[in-house]
Amino acid sequence: MTAAVPVRSAVTRQLALVLGVLTGAVALVAMARLASGAFPGGMSGFAWGVVLAAMLPWVVYVGFRARHGRLSGRRLGPVAALVLVGAVTVWLPVPGPVLALACSFAAFVLVWLSDLPARRSAGAARYVRIDELQQEDLDRGLLATG
């Protein structure tokens, strides 16, 4: 017996995709801000290349996970709140990018948890009950009586 999987609307899927991409984008901006703080006068082209090479696949991955997961309407709210807080704090002077990365990571955890496989019931892994085997053996006369 399989558990019923709720059908998600196209709007929910698109909203989850947008929130996933925004979650990754907050992390991208935060990483760029953190890296730019290490360079007086701004980041070099190589530094930009490294940040983009690391973070653009992350943006795509988080968007993919959000779109294809089972992100419910109940979890969309906290993810949106974390993205909003991250988008605001990323522009704060010193701790801002770090807080934005923490918000982005927390939002990703919610997305990732929604993409875990559904739990099976406790008895779903059991194929045959012991008493069913004994009853069949009794019917066939295979069990020794004694």
N, C-alpha and C. Protein backbone atom coordinates (compact mmCIF):
# COMPACT_ATOMS: atom_id res chain seq x y z
N MET A 1 0.83 -1.16 0.00
CA MET A 1 0.00 0.00 0.00
C MET A 1 0.89 1.24 0.00
N THR A 2 0.66 2.14 -0.87
CA THR A 2 1.48 3.35 -0.94
C THR A 2 0.73 4.52 -0.35
N ALA A 3 1.50 5.45 0.19
CA ALA A 3 0.89 6.65 0.77
C ALA A 3 0.47 7.59 -0.35
N ALA A 4 -0.61 8.30 -0.11
CA ALA A 4 -1.08 9.25 -1.11
C ALA A 4 -0.13 10.44 -1.18
N VAL A 5 0.27 10.79 -2.37
CA VAL A 5 1.16 11.92 -2.57
C VAL A 5 0.31 13.11 -2.99
N PRO A 6 0.38 14.22 -2.25
CA PRO A 6 -0.44 15.36 -2.62
C PRO A 6 0.02 15.96 -3.95
N VAL A 7 -0.93 16.34 -4.75
CA VAL A 7 -0.63 16.93 -6.05
C VAL A 7 -0.36 18.42 -5.85
N ARG A 8 0.76 18.87 -6.37
CA ARG A 8 1.10 20.28 -6.24
C ARG A 8 0.65 21.01 -7.48
N SER A 9 0.17 22.20 -7.28
CA SER A 9 -0.27 22.99 -8.42
C SER A 9 0.94 23.58 -9.14
N ALA A 10 0.71 23.99 -10.36
CA ALA A 10 1.78 24.60 -11.15
C ALA A 10 2.25 25.90 -10.52
N VAL A 11 1.33 26.63 -9.89
CA VAL A 11 1.70 27.89 -9.24
C VAL A 11 2.64 27.60 -8.07
N THR A 12 2.34 26.57 -7.27
CA THR A 12 3.19 26.22 -6.14
C THR A 12 4.57 25.80 -6.62
N ARG A 13 4.62 25.04 -7.70
CA ARG A 13 5.91 24.62 -8.25
C ARG A 13 6.73 25.82 -8.74
N GLN A 14 6.06 26.74 -9.42
CA GLN A 14 6.77 27.92 -9.92
C GLN A 14 7.23 28.82 -8.77
N LEU A 15 6.39 28.97 -7.76
CA LEU A 15 6.77 29.75 -6.60
C LEU A 15 7.94 29.10 -5.87
N ALA A 16 7.92 27.78 -5.76
CA ALA A 16 9.03 27.06 -5.13
C ALA A 16 10.31 27.25 -5.95
N LEU A 17 10.21 27.22 -7.27
CA LEU A 17 11.37 27.46 -8.12
C LEU A 17 11.94 28.85 -7.89
N VAL A 18 11.07 29.85 -7.87
CA VAL A 18 11.52 31.23 -7.67
C VAL A 18 12.19 31.38 -6.30
N LEU A 19 11.58 30.80 -5.26
CA LEU A 19 12.18 30.89 -3.93
C LEU A 19 13.51 30.13 -3.87
N GLY A 20 13.60 29.01 -4.56
CA GLY A 20 14.86 28.27 -4.60
C GLY A 20 15.96 29.07 -5.28
N VAL A 21 15.63 29.69 -6.41
CA VAL A 21 16.63 30.50 -7.11
C VAL A 21 17.02 31.72 -6.27
N LEU A 22 16.05 32.33 -5.60
CA LEU A 22 16.36 33.47 -4.73
C LEU A 22 17.21 33.05 -3.53
N THR A 23 16.97 31.85 -3.01
CA THR A 23 17.80 31.34 -1.92
C THR A 23 19.25 31.22 -2.38
N GLY A 24 19.45 30.67 -3.56
CA GLY A 24 20.80 30.57 -4.10
C GLY A 24 21.39 31.93 -4.44
N ALA A 25 20.56 32.85 -4.91
CA ALA A 25 21.06 34.18 -5.27
C ALA A 25 21.50 34.95 -4.03
N VAL A 26 20.80 34.79 -2.92
CA VAL A 26 21.23 35.44 -1.67
C VAL A 26 22.62 34.92 -1.29
N ALA A 27 22.82 33.62 -1.41
CA ALA A 27 24.14 33.04 -1.11
C ALA A 27 25.20 33.57 -2.08
N LEU A 28 24.85 33.71 -3.34
CA LEU A 28 25.79 34.24 -4.34
C LEU A 28 26.22 35.66 -3.99
N VAL A 29 25.27 36.52 -3.68
CA VAL A 29 25.59 37.91 -3.34
C VAL A 29 26.40 37.96 -2.05
N ALA A 30 26.03 37.13 -1.08
CA ALA A 30 26.77 37.11 0.19
C ALA A 30 28.21 36.67 -0.03
N MET A 31 28.42 35.64 -0.85
CA MET A 31 29.79 35.19 -1.12
C MET A 31 30.58 36.26 -1.86
N ALA A 32 29.95 36.94 -2.80
CA ALA A 32 30.64 38.01 -3.52
C ALA A 32 31.02 39.14 -2.56
N ARG A 33 30.11 39.47 -1.64
CA ARG A 33 30.42 40.53 -0.66
C ARG A 33 31.54 40.10 0.27
N LEU A 34 31.53 38.84 0.72
CA LEU A 34 32.60 38.35 1.59
C LEU A 34 33.94 38.35 0.86
N ALA A 35 33.94 37.89 -0.37
CA ALA A 35 35.19 37.85 -1.13
C ALA A 35 35.68 39.25 -1.46
N SER A 36 34.79 40.16 -1.76
CA SER A 36 35.23 41.52 -2.10
C SER A 36 35.83 42.24 -0.91
N GLY A 37 35.46 41.83 0.31
CA GLY A 37 36.05 42.43 1.50
C GLY A 37 37.51 42.06 1.67
N ALA A 38 37.95 41.00 1.03
CA ALA A 38 39.34 40.57 1.13
C ALA A 38 40.26 41.32 0.17
N PHE A 39 39.69 42.05 -0.78
CA PHE A 39 40.50 42.74 -1.78
C PHE A 39 40.34 44.25 -1.64
N PRO A 40 41.41 44.95 -1.31
CA PRO A 40 41.29 46.41 -1.29
C PRO A 40 41.13 46.92 -2.72
N GLY A 41 40.17 47.75 -2.94
CA GLY A 41 39.96 48.29 -4.28
C GLY A 41 39.07 47.42 -5.15
N GLY A 42 38.46 46.37 -4.62
CA GLY A 42 37.55 45.55 -5.40
C GLY A 42 38.18 44.23 -5.82
N MET A 43 37.32 43.34 -6.28
CA MET A 43 37.78 42.00 -6.67
C MET A 43 38.35 42.02 -8.08
N SER A 44 39.32 41.15 -8.31
CA SER A 44 39.88 40.98 -9.64
C SER A 44 38.94 40.13 -10.49
N GLY A 45 39.20 40.09 -11.76
CA GLY A 45 38.40 39.26 -12.65
C GLY A 45 38.49 37.79 -12.29
N PHE A 46 39.68 37.36 -11.88
CA PHE A 46 39.86 35.96 -11.48
C PHE A 46 39.02 35.64 -10.26
N ALA A 47 39.01 36.55 -9.28
CA ALA A 47 38.22 36.33 -8.06
C ALA A 47 36.73 36.25 -8.39
N TRP A 48 36.27 37.12 -9.28
CA TRP A 48 34.87 37.06 -9.72
C TRP A 48 34.58 35.73 -10.40
N GLY A 49 35.52 35.28 -11.22
CA GLY A 49 35.34 34.00 -11.92
C GLY A 49 35.22 32.84 -10.95
N VAL A 50 36.06 32.85 -9.90
CA VAL A 50 36.01 31.77 -8.92
C VAL A 50 34.68 31.80 -8.15
N VAL A 51 34.26 32.98 -7.73
CA VAL A 51 33.00 33.09 -6.99
C VAL A 51 31.83 32.65 -7.87
N LEU A 52 31.81 33.10 -9.10
CA LEU A 52 30.71 32.72 -10.00
C LEU A 52 30.74 31.24 -10.35
N ALA A 53 31.94 30.69 -10.55
CA ALA A 53 32.06 29.26 -10.86
C ALA A 53 31.59 28.40 -9.69
N ALA A 54 31.76 28.88 -8.48
CA ALA A 54 31.33 28.12 -7.32
C ALA A 54 29.84 28.31 -7.03
N MET A 55 29.33 29.51 -7.24
CA MET A 55 27.99 29.83 -6.76
C MET A 55 26.89 29.69 -7.81
N LEU A 56 27.18 29.88 -9.07
CA LEU A 56 26.11 29.73 -10.08
C LEU A 56 25.55 28.31 -10.13
N PRO A 57 26.40 27.26 -10.06
CA PRO A 57 25.80 25.92 -9.98
C PRO A 57 24.96 25.73 -8.71
N TRP A 58 25.34 26.39 -7.64
CA TRP A 58 24.57 26.30 -6.41
C TRP A 58 23.18 26.91 -6.59
N VAL A 59 23.12 28.04 -7.26
CA VAL A 59 21.83 28.69 -7.53
C VAL A 59 20.93 27.74 -8.33
N VAL A 60 21.50 27.11 -9.35
CA VAL A 60 20.74 26.18 -10.18
C VAL A 60 20.29 24.96 -9.36
N TYR A 61 21.19 24.43 -8.54
CA TYR A 61 20.88 23.25 -7.75
C TYR A 61 19.75 23.52 -6.75
N VAL A 62 19.82 24.64 -6.05
CA VAL A 62 18.77 24.96 -5.07
C VAL A 62 17.43 25.16 -5.79
N GLY A 63 17.45 25.83 -6.93
CA GLY A 63 16.23 26.00 -7.71
C GLY A 63 15.66 24.66 -8.16
N PHE A 64 16.53 23.76 -8.62
CA PHE A 64 16.10 22.43 -9.05
C PHE A 64 15.48 21.66 -7.89
N ARG A 65 16.15 21.67 -6.73
CA ARG A 65 15.64 20.96 -5.56
C ARG A 65 14.28 21.51 -5.14
N ALA A 66 14.14 22.82 -5.15
CA ALA A 66 12.88 23.43 -4.74
C ALA A 66 11.76 23.08 -5.72
N ARG A 67 12.07 23.09 -7.00
CA ARG A 67 11.06 22.82 -8.03
C ARG A 67 10.59 21.38 -8.01
N HIS A 68 11.52 20.46 -7.82
CA HIS A 68 11.19 19.04 -7.93
C HIS A 68 10.89 18.38 -6.59
N GLY A 69 11.08 19.10 -5.50
CA GLY A 69 10.76 18.55 -4.18
C GLY A 69 9.27 18.67 -3.90
N ARG A 70 8.90 18.34 -2.70
CA ARG A 70 7.51 18.45 -2.27
C ARG A 70 7.37 19.62 -1.31
N LEU A 71 7.85 20.77 -1.71
CA LEU A 71 7.80 21.97 -0.87
C LEU A 71 6.35 22.42 -0.78
N SER A 72 5.76 22.24 0.40
CA SER A 72 4.34 22.54 0.59
C SER A 72 4.14 24.03 0.82
N GLY A 73 2.89 24.44 0.72
CA GLY A 73 2.56 25.83 0.98
C GLY A 73 2.90 26.24 2.40
N ARG A 74 2.85 25.27 3.32
CA ARG A 74 3.18 25.54 4.72
C ARG A 74 4.66 25.87 4.89
N ARG A 75 5.52 25.27 4.07
CA ARG A 75 6.96 25.54 4.17
C ARG A 75 7.40 26.69 3.28
N LEU A 76 6.57 27.08 2.33
CA LEU A 76 6.95 28.20 1.47
C LEU A 76 7.09 29.50 2.26
N GLY A 77 6.24 29.68 3.28
CA GLY A 77 6.29 30.90 4.10
C GLY A 77 7.61 31.08 4.82
N PRO A 78 8.07 30.08 5.59
CA PRO A 78 9.37 30.23 6.25
C PRO A 78 10.53 30.39 5.29
N VAL A 79 10.48 29.69 4.15
CA VAL A 79 11.56 29.85 3.17
C VAL A 79 11.56 31.28 2.64
N ALA A 80 10.38 31.81 2.32
CA ALA A 80 10.30 33.20 1.83
C ALA A 80 10.78 34.18 2.89
N ALA A 81 10.43 33.93 4.16
CA ALA A 81 10.88 34.83 5.23
C ALA A 81 12.40 34.80 5.38
N LEU A 82 12.99 33.61 5.30
CA LEU A 82 14.45 33.51 5.39
C LEU A 82 15.14 34.18 4.21
N VAL A 83 14.56 34.03 3.03
CA VAL A 83 15.13 34.69 1.85
C VAL A 83 15.04 36.21 2.01
N LEU A 84 13.92 36.69 2.50
CA LEU A 84 13.75 38.13 2.69
C LEU A 84 14.74 38.67 3.73
N VAL A 85 14.87 37.98 4.85
CA VAL A 85 15.82 38.42 5.87
C VAL A 85 17.25 38.38 5.32
N GLY A 86 17.58 37.34 4.58
CA GLY A 86 18.91 37.24 3.97
C GLY A 86 19.16 38.34 2.96
N ALA A 87 18.14 38.67 2.17
CA ALA A 87 18.30 39.73 1.15
C ALA A 87 18.49 41.10 1.80
N VAL A 88 17.93 41.29 2.97
CA VAL A 88 18.10 42.57 3.68
C VAL A 88 19.45 42.61 4.39
N THR A 89 19.79 41.52 5.10
CA THR A 89 21.02 41.53 5.89
C THR A 89 22.28 41.45 5.05
N VAL A 90 22.18 40.99 3.82
CA VAL A 90 23.39 40.88 3.00
C VAL A 90 24.04 42.25 2.76
N TRP A 91 23.26 43.32 2.90
CA TRP A 91 23.79 44.66 2.64
C TRP A 91 24.28 45.35 3.91
N LEU A 92 24.15 44.70 5.08
CA LEU A 92 24.70 45.28 6.31
C LEU A 92 26.21 45.25 6.24
N PRO A 93 26.89 46.18 6.92
CA PRO A 93 28.34 46.31 6.75
C PRO A 93 29.17 45.08 7.09
N VAL A 94 29.32 44.71 8.34
CA VAL A 94 30.28 43.66 8.68
C VAL A 94 29.65 42.27 8.77
N PRO A 95 28.69 42.05 9.66
CA PRO A 95 28.16 40.69 9.80
C PRO A 95 27.08 40.35 8.77
N GLY A 96 26.72 41.31 7.96
CA GLY A 96 25.61 41.11 7.02
C GLY A 96 25.75 39.92 6.10
N PRO A 97 26.86 39.81 5.35
CA PRO A 97 26.99 38.66 4.45
C PRO A 97 26.98 37.31 5.18
N VAL A 98 27.54 37.28 6.38
CA VAL A 98 27.56 36.02 7.14
C VAL A 98 26.13 35.66 7.56
N LEU A 99 25.38 36.64 8.04
CA LEU A 99 23.98 36.38 8.41
C LEU A 99 23.16 35.98 7.18
N ALA A 100 23.43 36.61 6.05
CA ALA A 100 22.71 36.26 4.83
C ALA A 100 23.03 34.82 4.40
N LEU A 101 24.28 34.41 4.54
CA LEU A 101 24.63 33.02 4.23
C LEU A 101 23.92 32.06 5.18
N ALA A 102 23.82 32.42 6.45
CA ALA A 102 23.12 31.57 7.41
C ALA A 102 21.64 31.46 7.05
N CYS A 103 21.03 32.57 6.66
CA CYS A 103 19.61 32.53 6.26
C CYS A 103 19.43 31.69 5.00
N SER A 104 20.34 31.86 4.06
CA SER A 104 20.26 31.09 2.82
C SER A 104 20.42 29.60 3.10
N PHE A 105 21.34 29.26 3.99
CA PHE A 105 21.54 27.86 4.34
C PHE A 105 20.31 27.29 5.04
N ALA A 106 19.73 28.05 5.96
CA ALA A 106 18.52 27.59 6.66
C ALA A 106 17.37 27.39 5.68
N ALA A 107 17.23 28.30 4.71
CA ALA A 107 16.19 28.14 3.69
C ALA A 107 16.46 26.90 2.85
N PHE A 108 17.72 26.65 2.52
CA PHE A 108 18.05 25.45 1.75
C PHE A 108 17.74 24.18 2.54
N VAL A 109 17.98 24.19 3.84
CA VAL A 109 17.67 23.02 4.67
C VAL A 109 16.17 22.72 4.60
N LEU A 110 15.34 23.75 4.65
CA LEU A 110 13.89 23.53 4.52
C LEU A 110 13.55 22.96 3.15
N VAL A 111 14.21 23.45 2.11
CA VAL A 111 13.98 22.93 0.75
C VAL A 111 14.44 21.47 0.68
N TRP A 112 15.60 21.19 1.23
CA TRP A 112 16.17 19.84 1.18
C TRP A 112 15.30 18.86 1.95
N LEU A 113 14.81 19.28 3.13
CA LEU A 113 13.95 18.39 3.91
C LEU A 113 12.66 18.06 3.16
N SER A 114 12.18 19.00 2.36
CA SER A 114 10.96 18.73 1.60
C SER A 114 11.21 17.77 0.44
N ASP A 115 12.47 17.55 0.11
CA ASP A 115 12.80 16.69 -1.01
C ASP A 115 13.22 15.28 -0.57
N LEU A 116 13.19 15.02 0.74
CA LEU A 116 13.50 13.67 1.21
C LEU A 116 12.41 12.71 0.77
N PRO A 117 12.74 11.44 0.59
CA PRO A 117 11.70 10.47 0.24
C PRO A 117 10.65 10.38 1.34
N ALA A 118 9.42 10.09 0.94
CA ALA A 118 8.34 9.98 1.90
C ALA A 118 8.58 8.77 2.80
N ARG A 119 8.19 8.91 4.07
CA ARG A 119 8.35 7.80 5.01
C ARG A 119 7.38 6.69 4.68
N ARG A 120 7.86 5.47 4.84
CA ARG A 120 6.98 4.32 4.69
C ARG A 120 6.41 3.98 6.05
N SER A 121 5.26 3.36 6.05
CA SER A 121 4.68 2.96 7.33
C SER A 121 5.55 1.88 7.96
N ALA A 122 5.38 1.70 9.25
CA ALA A 122 6.23 0.76 9.99
C ALA A 122 6.12 -0.66 9.46
N GLY A 123 4.96 -1.05 8.99
CA GLY A 123 4.78 -2.41 8.51
C GLY A 123 5.03 -2.57 7.02
N ALA A 124 5.43 -1.51 6.33
CA ALA A 124 5.58 -1.59 4.88
C ALA A 124 6.77 -2.44 4.46
N ALA A 125 7.77 -2.57 5.32
CA ALA A 125 8.95 -3.35 4.95
C ALA A 125 8.74 -4.84 5.21
N ARG A 126 7.66 -5.20 5.87
CA ARG A 126 7.39 -6.60 6.19
C ARG A 126 6.62 -7.22 5.03
N TYR A 127 7.16 -8.30 4.50
CA TYR A 127 6.54 -8.92 3.33
C TYR A 127 5.52 -9.98 3.72
N VAL A 128 5.85 -10.80 4.71
CA VAL A 128 4.97 -11.90 5.10
C VAL A 128 4.92 -11.94 6.63
N ARG A 129 3.76 -12.13 7.15
CA ARG A 129 3.62 -12.26 8.60
C ARG A 129 3.94 -13.70 9.01
N ILE A 130 4.52 -13.84 10.18
CA ILE A 130 4.93 -15.17 10.65
C ILE A 130 3.72 -16.10 10.80
N ASP A 131 2.62 -15.61 11.35
CA ASP A 131 1.47 -16.49 11.53
C ASP A 131 0.89 -16.94 10.19
N GLU A 132 1.07 -16.13 9.14
CA GLU A 132 0.61 -16.56 7.82
C GLU A 132 1.43 -17.74 7.34
N LEU A 133 2.73 -17.74 7.60
CA LEU A 133 3.57 -18.87 7.22
C LEU A 133 3.18 -20.11 7.99
N GLN A 134 2.98 -19.98 9.28
CA GLN A 134 2.63 -21.14 10.09
C GLN A 134 1.27 -21.69 9.68
N GLN A 135 0.32 -20.84 9.33
CA GLN A 135 -1.00 -21.31 8.91
C GLN A 135 -0.90 -22.09 7.61
N GLU A 136 -0.06 -21.61 6.67
CA GLU A 136 0.12 -22.35 5.41
C GLU A 136 0.75 -23.70 5.66
N ASP A 137 1.73 -23.73 6.56
CA ASP A 137 2.39 -25.01 6.86
C ASP A 137 1.43 -25.97 7.56
N LEU A 138 0.55 -25.46 8.41
CA LEU A 138 -0.44 -26.31 9.06
C LEU A 138 -1.42 -26.85 8.03
N ASP A 139 -1.81 -26.00 7.06
CA ASP A 139 -2.74 -26.44 6.04
C ASP A 139 -2.14 -27.55 5.19
N ARG A 140 -0.86 -27.50 4.97
CA ARG A 140 -0.18 -28.51 4.14
C ARG A 140 0.24 -29.72 4.96
N GLY A 141 0.16 -29.61 6.28
CA GLY A 141 0.58 -30.72 7.12
C GLY A 141 2.08 -30.81 7.25
N LEU A 142 2.79 -29.72 7.05
CA LEU A 142 4.26 -29.75 7.09
C LEU A 142 4.81 -29.56 8.49
N LEU A 143 4.05 -28.96 9.40
CA LEU A 143 4.56 -28.76 10.75
C LEU A 143 4.36 -30.02 11.54
N ALA A 144 5.37 -30.37 12.27
CA ALA A 144 5.29 -31.56 13.12
C ALA A 144 4.43 -31.23 14.32
N THR A 145 3.53 -32.11 14.63
CA THR A 145 2.71 -31.89 15.80
C THR A 145 3.33 -32.64 16.95
N GLY A 146 3.34 -32.09 18.05
CA GLY A 146 3.98 -32.85 19.10
C GLY A 146 3.86 -32.32 20.40
